[in-house]
Amino acid sequence: MLQFLRRKQKTMRSRVGLTIFFLVASALAQAPNSSLSKEEQLRLAEHNRVEALVNGDVPRLEKLLGDDLSYTHSTGIKESKAEFLHRIQSGEVKYNSMQHENEVSARLYGDTGVLTGTSRVKVRARGQTLNLHIRFTEVWAKRDRGPWQVVAWQATRIAD
């Protein structure tokens, strides 16, 4: 009987240890990577946004875009977050590629980051495929210890 109780106690300690391990691992996986500088975090967020945009990953974009987003296309059309995501989700707009050129400039002002650069974009909109060369300004905000989110995008076509 004593041997049975010892085995049961050992099994319980193993289960508790595993539970604690998985809880800690889960918390670390969900926490922002504090070993990255703010600029590196911002550049990683931008990489994730472009990847989600090209893949049409609306749930991922939902997290990367602020609810107060102002998205101004190179055509001059301005959209809210809901309008922008609706057009992607409906298939009305499909980003086939977006390649930033050279080095994208990143400037930080506390919990606000501004990215500027040029990009080549291939997008299908209203049945037409457009190959665009753009200059962009993008504003990111980090609020309430949350993730970086895009709050403004402005693109201008570059004449070829």
N, C-alpha and C. Protein backbone atom coordinates (compact mmCIF):
# COMPACT_ATOMS: atom_id res chain seq x y z
N MET A 1 0.82 -1.19 0.00
CA MET A 1 0.00 0.00 0.00
C MET A 1 0.87 1.26 0.00
N LEU A 2 1.93 1.24 0.78
CA LEU A 2 2.83 2.38 0.85
C LEU A 2 3.48 2.65 -0.50
N GLN A 3 3.85 1.56 -1.20
CA GLN A 3 4.44 1.70 -2.53
C GLN A 3 3.44 2.33 -3.51
N PHE A 4 2.21 1.95 -3.44
CA PHE A 4 1.16 2.50 -4.29
C PHE A 4 1.01 4.01 -4.06
N LEU A 5 1.00 4.41 -2.78
CA LEU A 5 0.86 5.82 -2.44
C LEU A 5 2.06 6.63 -2.94
N ARG A 6 3.27 6.05 -2.84
CA ARG A 6 4.47 6.75 -3.32
C ARG A 6 4.41 6.94 -4.83
N ARG A 7 3.98 5.90 -5.56
CA ARG A 7 3.86 6.00 -7.03
C ARG A 7 2.83 7.06 -7.40
N LYS A 8 1.71 7.05 -6.69
CA LYS A 8 0.65 8.02 -6.96
C LYS A 8 1.14 9.45 -6.69
N GLN A 9 1.89 9.62 -5.59
CA GLN A 9 2.45 10.92 -5.25
C GLN A 9 3.46 11.38 -6.31
N LYS A 10 4.29 10.48 -6.81
CA LYS A 10 5.27 10.79 -7.84
C LYS A 10 4.58 11.17 -9.15
N THR A 11 3.51 10.44 -9.48
CA THR A 11 2.74 10.75 -10.68
C THR A 11 2.11 12.13 -10.57
N MET A 12 1.57 12.47 -9.42
CA MET A 12 0.96 13.78 -9.22
C MET A 12 2.01 14.89 -9.35
N ARG A 13 3.21 14.69 -8.76
CA ARG A 13 4.27 15.69 -8.88
C ARG A 13 4.67 15.87 -10.34
N SER A 14 4.73 14.79 -11.10
CA SER A 14 5.07 14.88 -12.52
C SER A 14 4.02 15.66 -13.28
N ARG A 15 2.75 15.39 -12.99
CA ARG A 15 1.67 16.11 -13.66
C ARG A 15 1.68 17.60 -13.32
N VAL A 16 1.88 17.91 -12.05
CA VAL A 16 1.94 19.31 -11.63
C VAL A 16 3.13 19.99 -12.31
N GLY A 17 4.28 19.32 -12.34
CA GLY A 17 5.46 19.89 -13.00
C GLY A 17 5.22 20.15 -14.47
N LEU A 18 4.60 19.20 -15.16
CA LEU A 18 4.30 19.37 -16.58
C LEU A 18 3.30 20.51 -16.80
N THR A 19 2.31 20.59 -15.93
CA THR A 19 1.32 21.66 -16.04
C THR A 19 1.99 23.02 -15.89
N ILE A 20 2.85 23.16 -14.89
CA ILE A 20 3.56 24.42 -14.68
C ILE A 20 4.44 24.73 -15.88
N PHE A 21 5.15 23.72 -16.40
CA PHE A 21 6.02 23.92 -17.57
C PHE A 21 5.21 24.45 -18.75
N PHE A 22 4.08 23.83 -19.05
CA PHE A 22 3.28 24.25 -20.19
C PHE A 22 2.65 25.64 -19.98
N LEU A 23 2.26 25.96 -18.76
CA LEU A 23 1.72 27.30 -18.48
C LEU A 23 2.78 28.37 -18.69
N VAL A 24 4.00 28.12 -18.20
CA VAL A 24 5.09 29.09 -18.37
C VAL A 24 5.46 29.20 -19.85
N ALA A 25 5.58 28.08 -20.54
CA ALA A 25 5.93 28.10 -21.97
C ALA A 25 4.88 28.85 -22.77
N SER A 26 3.62 28.64 -22.44
CA SER A 26 2.53 29.33 -23.14
C SER A 26 2.60 30.83 -22.90
N ALA A 27 2.85 31.23 -21.68
CA ALA A 27 2.94 32.66 -21.36
C ALA A 27 4.12 33.30 -22.09
N LEU A 28 5.24 32.62 -22.13
CA LEU A 28 6.41 33.16 -22.84
C LEU A 28 6.16 33.25 -24.34
N ALA A 29 5.46 32.30 -24.89
CA ALA A 29 5.18 32.30 -26.33
C ALA A 29 4.26 33.45 -26.71
N GLN A 30 3.37 33.85 -25.81
CA GLN A 30 2.41 34.92 -26.11
C GLN A 30 2.96 36.30 -25.79
N ALA A 31 4.01 36.37 -24.98
CA ALA A 31 4.57 37.67 -24.61
C ALA A 31 5.38 38.23 -25.77
N PRO A 32 5.38 39.54 -25.94
CA PRO A 32 6.21 40.14 -26.98
C PRO A 32 7.66 39.82 -26.73
N ASN A 33 8.42 39.65 -27.79
CA ASN A 33 9.82 39.30 -27.65
C ASN A 33 10.59 40.51 -27.16
N SER A 34 10.86 40.54 -25.84
CA SER A 34 11.50 41.69 -25.23
C SER A 34 12.97 41.78 -25.59
N SER A 35 13.55 40.72 -26.14
CA SER A 35 14.96 40.78 -26.52
C SER A 35 15.16 41.58 -27.80
N LEU A 36 14.08 41.84 -28.54
CA LEU A 36 14.17 42.65 -29.75
C LEU A 36 14.01 44.11 -29.40
N SER A 37 14.76 44.97 -30.08
CA SER A 37 14.59 46.40 -29.89
C SER A 37 13.22 46.79 -30.46
N LYS A 38 12.75 48.00 -30.12
CA LYS A 38 11.46 48.46 -30.65
C LYS A 38 11.52 48.53 -32.17
N GLU A 39 12.65 48.97 -32.72
CA GLU A 39 12.78 49.06 -34.18
C GLU A 39 12.70 47.67 -34.81
N GLU A 40 13.34 46.68 -34.20
CA GLU A 40 13.28 45.31 -34.72
C GLU A 40 11.86 44.76 -34.62
N GLN A 41 11.17 45.06 -33.52
CA GLN A 41 9.78 44.63 -33.37
C GLN A 41 8.91 45.24 -34.47
N LEU A 42 9.15 46.53 -34.74
CA LEU A 42 8.38 47.24 -35.76
C LEU A 42 8.64 46.65 -37.15
N ARG A 43 9.90 46.39 -37.46
CA ARG A 43 10.24 45.80 -38.76
C ARG A 43 9.64 44.39 -38.91
N LEU A 44 9.64 43.63 -37.82
CA LEU A 44 9.03 42.30 -37.84
C LEU A 44 7.52 42.41 -38.04
N ALA A 45 6.89 43.37 -37.38
CA ALA A 45 5.45 43.59 -37.55
C ALA A 45 5.14 43.94 -39.00
N GLU A 46 5.97 44.78 -39.62
CA GLU A 46 5.76 45.15 -41.02
C GLU A 46 5.93 43.94 -41.94
N HIS A 47 6.93 43.12 -41.67
CA HIS A 47 7.12 41.89 -42.45
C HIS A 47 5.87 41.01 -42.34
N ASN A 48 5.34 40.88 -41.13
CA ASN A 48 4.13 40.07 -40.91
C ASN A 48 2.92 40.66 -41.62
N ARG A 49 2.81 41.99 -41.64
CA ARG A 49 1.70 42.64 -42.33
C ARG A 49 1.75 42.38 -43.83
N VAL A 50 2.92 42.53 -44.42
CA VAL A 50 3.07 42.29 -45.86
C VAL A 50 2.75 40.83 -46.19
N GLU A 51 3.26 39.93 -45.38
CA GLU A 51 3.01 38.50 -45.58
C GLU A 51 1.51 38.19 -45.49
N ALA A 52 0.84 38.75 -44.49
CA ALA A 52 -0.60 38.54 -44.32
C ALA A 52 -1.38 39.15 -45.48
N LEU A 53 -0.95 40.32 -45.93
CA LEU A 53 -1.61 41.00 -47.04
C LEU A 53 -1.55 40.16 -48.31
N VAL A 54 -0.38 39.66 -48.64
CA VAL A 54 -0.19 38.87 -49.85
C VAL A 54 -0.92 37.52 -49.76
N ASN A 55 -1.00 36.99 -48.56
CA ASN A 55 -1.70 35.70 -48.37
C ASN A 55 -3.21 35.87 -48.17
N GLY A 56 -3.68 37.11 -48.13
CA GLY A 56 -5.11 37.35 -47.92
C GLY A 56 -5.57 36.87 -46.55
N ASP A 57 -4.67 36.91 -45.57
CA ASP A 57 -4.94 36.40 -44.23
C ASP A 57 -5.64 37.49 -43.40
N VAL A 58 -6.95 37.58 -43.55
CA VAL A 58 -7.73 38.62 -42.90
C VAL A 58 -7.68 38.53 -41.37
N PRO A 59 -7.77 37.34 -40.76
CA PRO A 59 -7.68 37.29 -39.29
C PRO A 59 -6.35 37.85 -38.76
N ARG A 60 -5.28 37.57 -39.47
CA ARG A 60 -3.97 38.09 -39.06
C ARG A 60 -3.91 39.60 -39.28
N LEU A 61 -4.43 40.07 -40.40
CA LEU A 61 -4.47 41.51 -40.66
C LEU A 61 -5.31 42.23 -39.61
N GLU A 62 -6.40 41.61 -39.20
CA GLU A 62 -7.29 42.18 -38.18
C GLU A 62 -6.50 42.57 -36.94
N LYS A 63 -5.52 41.74 -36.57
CA LYS A 63 -4.71 42.01 -35.38
C LYS A 63 -3.63 43.06 -35.63
N LEU A 64 -3.16 43.13 -36.87
CA LEU A 64 -2.06 44.04 -37.20
C LEU A 64 -2.52 45.46 -37.55
N LEU A 65 -3.81 45.62 -37.80
CA LEU A 65 -4.34 46.93 -38.18
C LEU A 65 -5.15 47.51 -37.02
N GLY A 66 -4.91 48.77 -36.70
CA GLY A 66 -5.66 49.43 -35.64
C GLY A 66 -7.10 49.67 -36.06
N ASP A 67 -8.00 49.68 -35.09
CA ASP A 67 -9.41 49.91 -35.39
C ASP A 67 -9.65 51.29 -36.01
N ASP A 68 -8.73 52.22 -35.73
CA ASP A 68 -8.86 53.59 -36.24
C ASP A 68 -8.03 53.81 -37.51
N LEU A 69 -7.71 52.74 -38.21
CA LEU A 69 -6.87 52.80 -39.41
C LEU A 69 -7.43 53.76 -40.46
N SER A 70 -6.54 54.53 -41.06
CA SER A 70 -6.85 55.37 -42.22
C SER A 70 -5.90 54.87 -43.32
N TYR A 71 -6.45 54.17 -44.33
CA TYR A 71 -5.65 53.53 -45.38
C TYR A 71 -5.91 54.27 -46.69
N THR A 72 -4.91 55.04 -47.13
CA THR A 72 -5.05 55.81 -48.37
C THR A 72 -4.22 55.15 -49.46
N HIS A 73 -4.92 54.66 -50.48
CA HIS A 73 -4.27 53.98 -51.59
C HIS A 73 -3.59 54.98 -52.53
N SER A 74 -2.77 54.47 -53.43
CA SER A 74 -2.09 55.32 -54.40
C SER A 74 -3.06 55.96 -55.39
N THR A 75 -4.28 55.45 -55.42
CA THR A 75 -5.33 56.03 -56.28
C THR A 75 -6.01 57.22 -55.61
N GLY A 76 -5.72 57.43 -54.34
CA GLY A 76 -6.37 58.50 -53.60
C GLY A 76 -7.57 58.02 -52.80
N ILE A 77 -7.99 56.78 -53.01
CA ILE A 77 -9.13 56.24 -52.27
C ILE A 77 -8.70 56.00 -50.82
N LYS A 78 -9.53 56.47 -49.88
CA LYS A 78 -9.27 56.32 -48.45
C LYS A 78 -10.28 55.32 -47.88
N GLU A 79 -9.77 54.37 -47.10
CA GLU A 79 -10.63 53.35 -46.50
C GLU A 79 -10.37 53.23 -45.01
N SER A 80 -11.42 52.80 -44.31
CA SER A 80 -11.29 52.44 -42.90
C SER A 80 -10.78 51.00 -42.84
N LYS A 81 -10.51 50.55 -41.66
CA LYS A 81 -10.07 49.17 -41.46
C LYS A 81 -11.14 48.20 -41.98
N ALA A 82 -12.38 48.44 -41.61
CA ALA A 82 -13.48 47.55 -42.02
C ALA A 82 -13.61 47.51 -43.53
N GLU A 83 -13.54 48.66 -44.18
CA GLU A 83 -13.66 48.71 -45.65
C GLU A 83 -12.50 47.99 -46.32
N PHE A 84 -11.29 48.24 -45.84
CA PHE A 84 -10.09 47.63 -46.41
C PHE A 84 -10.16 46.10 -46.29
N LEU A 85 -10.48 45.62 -45.09
CA LEU A 85 -10.53 44.17 -44.87
C LEU A 85 -11.68 43.52 -45.65
N HIS A 86 -12.80 44.22 -45.78
CA HIS A 86 -13.93 43.68 -46.54
C HIS A 86 -13.55 43.44 -48.00
N ARG A 87 -12.84 44.39 -48.59
CA ARG A 87 -12.45 44.26 -50.00
C ARG A 87 -11.47 43.10 -50.20
N ILE A 88 -10.63 42.84 -49.22
CA ILE A 88 -9.69 41.72 -49.31
C ILE A 88 -10.45 40.42 -49.12
N GLN A 89 -11.28 40.36 -48.09
CA GLN A 89 -12.03 39.14 -47.78
C GLN A 89 -12.99 38.76 -48.91
N SER A 90 -13.60 39.74 -49.55
CA SER A 90 -14.55 39.47 -50.63
C SER A 90 -13.86 39.06 -51.93
N GLY A 91 -12.55 39.28 -51.99
CA GLY A 91 -11.83 38.96 -53.22
C GLY A 91 -11.84 40.10 -54.23
N GLU A 92 -12.49 41.20 -53.87
CA GLU A 92 -12.52 42.36 -54.77
C GLU A 92 -11.10 42.88 -55.01
N VAL A 93 -10.26 42.77 -53.98
CA VAL A 93 -8.86 43.15 -54.09
C VAL A 93 -7.99 41.97 -53.66
N LYS A 94 -6.98 41.67 -54.46
CA LYS A 94 -6.04 40.59 -54.14
C LYS A 94 -4.63 41.09 -54.37
N TYR A 95 -3.86 41.17 -53.29
CA TYR A 95 -2.45 41.55 -53.40
C TYR A 95 -1.66 40.30 -53.76
N ASN A 96 -1.07 40.30 -54.95
CA ASN A 96 -0.27 39.15 -55.39
C ASN A 96 1.15 39.23 -54.87
N SER A 97 1.68 40.44 -54.76
CA SER A 97 3.02 40.61 -54.20
C SER A 97 3.21 42.05 -53.73
N MET A 98 4.10 42.19 -52.78
CA MET A 98 4.54 43.51 -52.31
C MET A 98 5.99 43.34 -51.89
N GLN A 99 6.87 44.00 -52.61
CA GLN A 99 8.30 43.91 -52.33
C GLN A 99 8.83 45.30 -52.00
N HIS A 100 9.22 45.49 -50.74
CA HIS A 100 9.85 46.76 -50.38
C HIS A 100 11.23 46.81 -51.02
N GLU A 101 11.59 47.99 -51.53
CA GLU A 101 12.88 48.17 -52.17
C GLU A 101 13.87 48.81 -51.20
N ASN A 102 15.12 48.51 -51.42
CA ASN A 102 16.18 49.11 -50.61
C ASN A 102 15.87 48.99 -49.13
N GLU A 103 16.29 49.95 -48.39
CA GLU A 103 16.05 49.93 -46.95
C GLU A 103 14.83 50.78 -46.61
N VAL A 104 13.93 50.21 -45.88
CA VAL A 104 12.78 50.97 -45.38
C VAL A 104 13.26 51.74 -44.15
N SER A 105 13.00 53.04 -44.14
CA SER A 105 13.41 53.88 -43.01
C SER A 105 12.43 53.70 -41.86
N ALA A 106 12.95 53.52 -40.66
CA ALA A 106 12.11 53.38 -39.47
C ALA A 106 12.54 54.44 -38.46
N ARG A 107 11.57 55.24 -38.02
CA ARG A 107 11.82 56.25 -36.99
C ARG A 107 10.85 56.00 -35.86
N LEU A 108 11.34 56.11 -34.65
CA LEU A 108 10.52 55.86 -33.47
C LEU A 108 10.35 57.13 -32.67
N TYR A 109 9.12 57.33 -32.19
CA TYR A 109 8.78 58.45 -31.33
C TYR A 109 7.98 57.88 -30.16
N GLY A 110 8.69 57.33 -29.19
CA GLY A 110 8.03 56.65 -28.07
C GLY A 110 7.34 55.39 -28.57
N ASP A 111 6.04 55.33 -28.40
CA ASP A 111 5.28 54.16 -28.83
C ASP A 111 4.62 54.37 -30.19
N THR A 112 5.21 55.26 -30.99
CA THR A 112 4.77 55.49 -32.37
C THR A 112 5.96 55.27 -33.28
N GLY A 113 5.74 54.56 -34.37
CA GLY A 113 6.79 54.32 -35.34
C GLY A 113 6.32 54.75 -36.73
N VAL A 114 7.24 55.33 -37.48
CA VAL A 114 6.93 55.76 -38.84
C VAL A 114 7.89 55.04 -39.79
N LEU A 115 7.31 54.32 -40.74
CA LEU A 115 8.09 53.65 -41.77
C LEU A 115 7.88 54.39 -43.09
N THR A 116 8.97 54.60 -43.81
CA THR A 116 8.87 55.20 -45.14
C THR A 116 9.76 54.40 -46.08
N GLY A 117 9.32 54.31 -47.32
CA GLY A 117 10.11 53.58 -48.30
C GLY A 117 9.41 53.50 -49.64
N THR A 118 9.96 52.66 -50.49
CA THR A 118 9.35 52.41 -51.80
C THR A 118 9.09 50.92 -51.92
N SER A 119 8.12 50.61 -52.75
CA SER A 119 7.71 49.21 -52.89
C SER A 119 7.18 48.97 -54.30
N ARG A 120 7.32 47.76 -54.75
CA ARG A 120 6.70 47.28 -55.99
C ARG A 120 5.54 46.39 -55.56
N VAL A 121 4.36 46.73 -56.07
CA VAL A 121 3.15 46.02 -55.66
C VAL A 121 2.44 45.49 -56.90
N LYS A 122 2.04 44.24 -56.83
CA LYS A 122 1.20 43.66 -57.88
C LYS A 122 -0.13 43.33 -57.21
N VAL A 123 -1.20 43.98 -57.69
CA VAL A 123 -2.50 43.84 -57.06
C VAL A 123 -3.57 43.68 -58.14
N ARG A 124 -4.56 42.87 -57.84
CA ARG A 124 -5.71 42.69 -58.74
C ARG A 124 -6.90 43.36 -58.08
N ALA A 125 -7.44 44.37 -58.78
CA ALA A 125 -8.59 45.12 -58.25
C ALA A 125 -9.57 45.39 -59.37
N ARG A 126 -10.83 45.11 -59.10
CA ARG A 126 -11.90 45.34 -60.08
C ARG A 126 -11.58 44.68 -61.43
N GLY A 127 -11.04 43.47 -61.36
CA GLY A 127 -10.77 42.70 -62.57
C GLY A 127 -9.52 43.09 -63.33
N GLN A 128 -8.78 44.05 -62.82
CA GLN A 128 -7.56 44.51 -63.49
C GLN A 128 -6.35 44.20 -62.62
N THR A 129 -5.27 43.73 -63.26
CA THR A 129 -4.02 43.55 -62.54
C THR A 129 -3.17 44.79 -62.73
N LEU A 130 -2.74 45.36 -61.61
CA LEU A 130 -1.93 46.57 -61.64
C LEU A 130 -0.54 46.26 -61.10
N ASN A 131 0.47 46.74 -61.80
CA ASN A 131 1.85 46.66 -61.33
C ASN A 131 2.24 48.08 -60.93
N LEU A 132 2.34 48.30 -59.64
CA LEU A 132 2.55 49.65 -59.12
C LEU A 132 3.95 49.80 -58.53
N HIS A 133 4.50 50.96 -58.71
CA HIS A 133 5.73 51.36 -58.04
C HIS A 133 5.31 52.51 -57.14
N ILE A 134 5.41 52.33 -55.82
CA ILE A 134 4.88 53.32 -54.88
C ILE A 134 5.93 53.80 -53.87
N ARG A 135 5.68 54.98 -53.36
CA ARG A 135 6.39 55.49 -52.19
C ARG A 135 5.35 55.50 -51.08
N PHE A 136 5.72 55.02 -49.90
CA PHE A 136 4.73 54.93 -48.83
C PHE A 136 5.23 55.54 -47.52
N THR A 137 4.26 55.97 -46.74
CA THR A 137 4.46 56.37 -45.36
C THR A 137 3.45 55.58 -44.54
N GLU A 138 3.94 54.97 -43.50
CA GLU A 138 3.10 54.09 -42.68
C GLU A 138 3.35 54.41 -41.21
N VAL A 139 2.27 54.59 -40.47
CA VAL A 139 2.38 54.94 -39.05
C VAL A 139 1.88 53.75 -38.22
N TRP A 140 2.70 53.35 -37.27
CA TRP A 140 2.38 52.26 -36.35
C TRP A 140 2.25 52.82 -34.94
N ALA A 141 1.39 52.22 -34.14
CA ALA A 141 1.23 52.62 -32.74
C ALA A 141 1.25 51.37 -31.86
N LYS A 142 1.84 51.52 -30.70
CA LYS A 142 1.86 50.44 -29.71
C LYS A 142 1.10 50.97 -28.50
N ARG A 143 -0.06 50.38 -28.25
CA ARG A 143 -0.94 50.89 -27.19
C ARG A 143 -1.18 49.86 -26.10
N ASP A 144 -1.23 50.33 -24.87
CA ASP A 144 -1.59 49.47 -23.72
C ASP A 144 -0.86 48.14 -23.73
N ARG A 145 0.42 48.17 -23.97
CA ARG A 145 1.26 46.95 -23.97
C ARG A 145 0.84 45.93 -25.00
N GLY A 146 0.02 46.34 -25.94
CA GLY A 146 -0.43 45.43 -26.99
C GLY A 146 0.59 45.37 -28.12
N PRO A 147 0.22 44.72 -29.19
CA PRO A 147 1.14 44.60 -30.33
C PRO A 147 1.19 45.91 -31.13
N TRP A 148 2.21 46.05 -31.95
CA TRP A 148 2.26 47.17 -32.88
C TRP A 148 1.10 47.03 -33.85
N GLN A 149 0.43 48.14 -34.16
CA GLN A 149 -0.67 48.14 -35.12
C GLN A 149 -0.53 49.33 -36.07
N VAL A 150 -0.86 49.09 -37.34
CA VAL A 150 -0.85 50.16 -38.33
C VAL A 150 -2.07 51.04 -38.08
N VAL A 151 -1.85 52.36 -37.99
CA VAL A 151 -2.96 53.29 -37.81
C VAL A 151 -3.11 54.21 -39.02
N ALA A 152 -2.08 54.27 -39.88
CA ALA A 152 -2.19 55.09 -41.09
C ALA A 152 -1.25 54.55 -42.17
N TRP A 153 -1.74 54.55 -43.40
CA TRP A 153 -0.98 54.16 -44.58
C TRP A 153 -1.30 55.18 -45.67
N GLN A 154 -0.26 55.66 -46.32
CA GLN A 154 -0.43 56.59 -47.43
C GLN A 154 0.55 56.18 -48.52
N ALA A 155 0.05 55.94 -49.72
CA ALA A 155 0.90 55.55 -50.84
C ALA A 155 0.73 56.52 -51.99
N THR A 156 1.83 56.77 -52.68
CA THR A 156 1.84 57.64 -53.85
C THR A 156 2.55 56.89 -54.98
N ARG A 157 1.98 56.91 -56.17
CA ARG A 157 2.63 56.25 -57.30
C ARG A 157 3.89 57.00 -57.70
N ILE A 158 4.89 56.24 -58.09
CA ILE A 158 6.13 56.79 -58.63
C ILE A 158 6.06 56.61 -60.15
N ALA A 159 6.25 57.68 -60.87
CA ALA A 159 6.21 57.60 -62.33
C ALA A 159 7.39 56.76 -62.83
N ASP A 160 7.10 55.87 -63.75
CA ASP A 160 8.17 55.04 -64.32
C ASP A 160 8.86 55.73 -65.46
